[in-house]
Amino acid sequence: PFSDSVEMAYKEGIRAIIQPGGSLRDADSIDYCDQTGMSMAFTGIRHFKH
């Protein structure tokens, strides 16, 4: 997810994100999680194709 999605989730009380990984912007989301103490798990499996 983009970091703005992770930020919105955090503001709504969500404290863990599960995602497939491999995005060009993963580092931004990881940095936000590190700053806020959120957990982020990577599955390595895409859940949809486009």
N, C-alpha and C. Protein backbone atom coordinates (compact mmCIF):
# COMPACT_ATOMS: atom_id res chain seq x y z
N PRO A 1 0.83 -1.21 0.00
CA PRO A 1 0.00 0.00 0.00
C PRO A 1 0.86 1.25 0.00
N PHE A 2 0.30 2.34 -0.50
CA PHE A 2 1.00 3.61 -0.40
C PHE A 2 0.97 4.05 1.06
N SER A 3 1.91 4.89 1.45
CA SER A 3 2.00 5.30 2.85
C SER A 3 0.77 6.08 3.30
N ASP A 4 0.06 6.75 2.37
CA ASP A 4 -1.13 7.48 2.80
C ASP A 4 -2.24 6.52 3.24
N SER A 5 -2.31 5.34 2.63
CA SER A 5 -3.29 4.34 3.05
C SER A 5 -2.94 3.80 4.44
N VAL A 6 -1.66 3.58 4.67
CA VAL A 6 -1.21 3.09 5.97
C VAL A 6 -1.47 4.16 7.03
N GLU A 7 -1.23 5.42 6.70
CA GLU A 7 -1.48 6.52 7.64
C GLU A 7 -2.97 6.61 7.98
N MET A 8 -3.83 6.47 6.98
CA MET A 8 -5.27 6.51 7.21
C MET A 8 -5.70 5.35 8.11
N ALA A 9 -5.15 4.17 7.85
CA ALA A 9 -5.47 3.01 8.68
C ALA A 9 -5.06 3.26 10.13
N TYR A 10 -3.86 3.82 10.32
CA TYR A 10 -3.38 4.12 11.67
C TYR A 10 -4.31 5.08 12.39
N LYS A 11 -4.75 6.12 11.70
CA LYS A 11 -5.64 7.11 12.31
C LYS A 11 -6.99 6.51 12.68
N GLU A 12 -7.38 5.41 12.03
CA GLU A 12 -8.64 4.74 12.33
C GLU A 12 -8.47 3.63 13.37
N GLY A 13 -7.26 3.50 13.92
CA GLY A 13 -7.03 2.54 15.00
C GLY A 13 -6.44 1.21 14.57
N ILE A 14 -6.16 1.04 13.30
CA ILE A 14 -5.56 -0.20 12.81
C ILE A 14 -4.07 -0.18 13.15
N ARG A 15 -3.57 -1.30 13.67
CA ARG A 15 -2.18 -1.35 14.10
C ARG A 15 -1.36 -2.43 13.42
N ALA A 16 -1.95 -3.12 12.44
CA ALA A 16 -1.22 -4.15 11.70
C ALA A 16 -1.69 -4.16 10.25
N ILE A 17 -0.75 -4.33 9.35
CA ILE A 17 -1.01 -4.38 7.91
C ILE A 17 -0.44 -5.70 7.38
N ILE A 18 -1.22 -6.39 6.57
CA ILE A 18 -0.74 -7.58 5.87
C ILE A 18 -0.80 -7.26 4.38
N GLN A 19 0.30 -7.47 3.69
CA GLN A 19 0.34 -7.13 2.27
C GLN A 19 1.27 -8.08 1.52
N PRO A 20 1.11 -8.14 0.19
CA PRO A 20 1.93 -9.07 -0.58
C PRO A 20 3.39 -8.64 -0.73
N GLY A 21 3.66 -7.33 -0.66
CA GLY A 21 5.02 -6.84 -0.86
C GLY A 21 5.34 -6.73 -2.34
N GLY A 22 6.47 -6.12 -2.63
CA GLY A 22 6.92 -5.99 -4.00
C GLY A 22 6.56 -4.68 -4.66
N SER A 23 5.93 -3.77 -3.94
CA SER A 23 5.57 -2.47 -4.49
C SER A 23 6.80 -1.58 -4.58
N LEU A 24 6.81 -0.71 -5.57
CA LEU A 24 7.92 0.24 -5.69
C LEU A 24 7.98 1.18 -4.49
N ARG A 25 6.87 1.37 -3.80
CA ARG A 25 6.83 2.29 -2.67
C ARG A 25 6.73 1.59 -1.31
N ASP A 26 7.10 0.33 -1.25
CA ASP A 26 7.06 -0.39 0.03
C ASP A 26 7.87 0.33 1.10
N ALA A 27 9.00 0.89 0.73
CA ALA A 27 9.87 1.53 1.72
C ALA A 27 9.15 2.67 2.44
N ASP A 28 8.31 3.42 1.73
CA ASP A 28 7.56 4.51 2.37
C ASP A 28 6.61 3.97 3.42
N SER A 29 5.91 2.88 3.10
CA SER A 29 4.97 2.28 4.04
C SER A 29 5.70 1.68 5.23
N ILE A 30 6.82 1.03 4.96
CA ILE A 30 7.62 0.43 6.04
C ILE A 30 8.13 1.52 6.98
N ASP A 31 8.61 2.62 6.42
CA ASP A 31 9.10 3.73 7.25
C ASP A 31 7.99 4.26 8.15
N TYR A 32 6.78 4.42 7.60
CA TYR A 32 5.67 4.93 8.40
C TYR A 32 5.35 3.94 9.53
N CYS A 33 5.34 2.67 9.22
CA CYS A 33 5.07 1.66 10.25
C CYS A 33 6.14 1.70 11.34
N ASP A 34 7.39 1.84 10.94
CA ASP A 34 8.48 1.93 11.91
C ASP A 34 8.31 3.15 12.82
N GLN A 35 7.92 4.27 12.25
CA GLN A 35 7.76 5.50 13.02
C GLN A 35 6.62 5.42 14.03
N THR A 36 5.57 4.68 13.68
CA THR A 36 4.37 4.64 14.53
C THR A 36 4.26 3.37 15.36
N GLY A 37 5.14 2.41 15.14
CA GLY A 37 5.07 1.15 15.88
C GLY A 37 4.06 0.16 15.32
N MET A 38 3.57 0.43 14.11
CA MET A 38 2.64 -0.51 13.48
C MET A 38 3.40 -1.76 13.03
N SER A 39 2.68 -2.88 12.96
CA SER A 39 3.24 -4.11 12.43
C SER A 39 2.89 -4.21 10.95
N MET A 40 3.82 -4.74 10.16
CA MET A 40 3.54 -4.99 8.75
C MET A 40 4.11 -6.36 8.40
N ALA A 41 3.25 -7.23 7.88
CA ALA A 41 3.67 -8.57 7.47
C ALA A 41 3.55 -8.68 5.96
N PHE A 42 4.50 -9.38 5.37
CA PHE A 42 4.52 -9.59 3.93
C PHE A 42 4.21 -11.05 3.62
N THR A 43 3.23 -11.28 2.74
CA THR A 43 2.83 -12.64 2.40
C THR A 43 3.59 -13.19 1.20
N GLY A 44 4.03 -12.30 0.31
CA GLY A 44 4.69 -12.74 -0.91
C GLY A 44 3.71 -13.30 -1.93
N ILE A 45 2.41 -13.18 -1.65
CA ILE A 45 1.37 -13.71 -2.54
C ILE A 45 0.47 -12.56 -2.96
N ARG A 46 0.32 -12.37 -4.27
CA ARG A 46 -0.60 -11.35 -4.77
C ARG A 46 -2.03 -11.83 -4.57
N HIS A 47 -2.90 -10.94 -4.15
CA HIS A 47 -4.29 -11.30 -3.88
C HIS A 47 -5.22 -10.92 -5.02
N PHE A 48 -4.73 -10.17 -5.99
CA PHE A 48 -5.48 -9.86 -7.20
C PHE A 48 -4.48 -9.51 -8.29
N LYS A 49 -4.92 -9.60 -9.50
CA LYS A 49 -4.04 -9.28 -10.63
C LYS A 49 -4.68 -8.15 -11.44
N HIS A 50 -3.86 -7.25 -11.94
CA HIS A 50 -4.35 -6.18 -12.81
C HIS A 50 -3.30 -5.80 -13.81
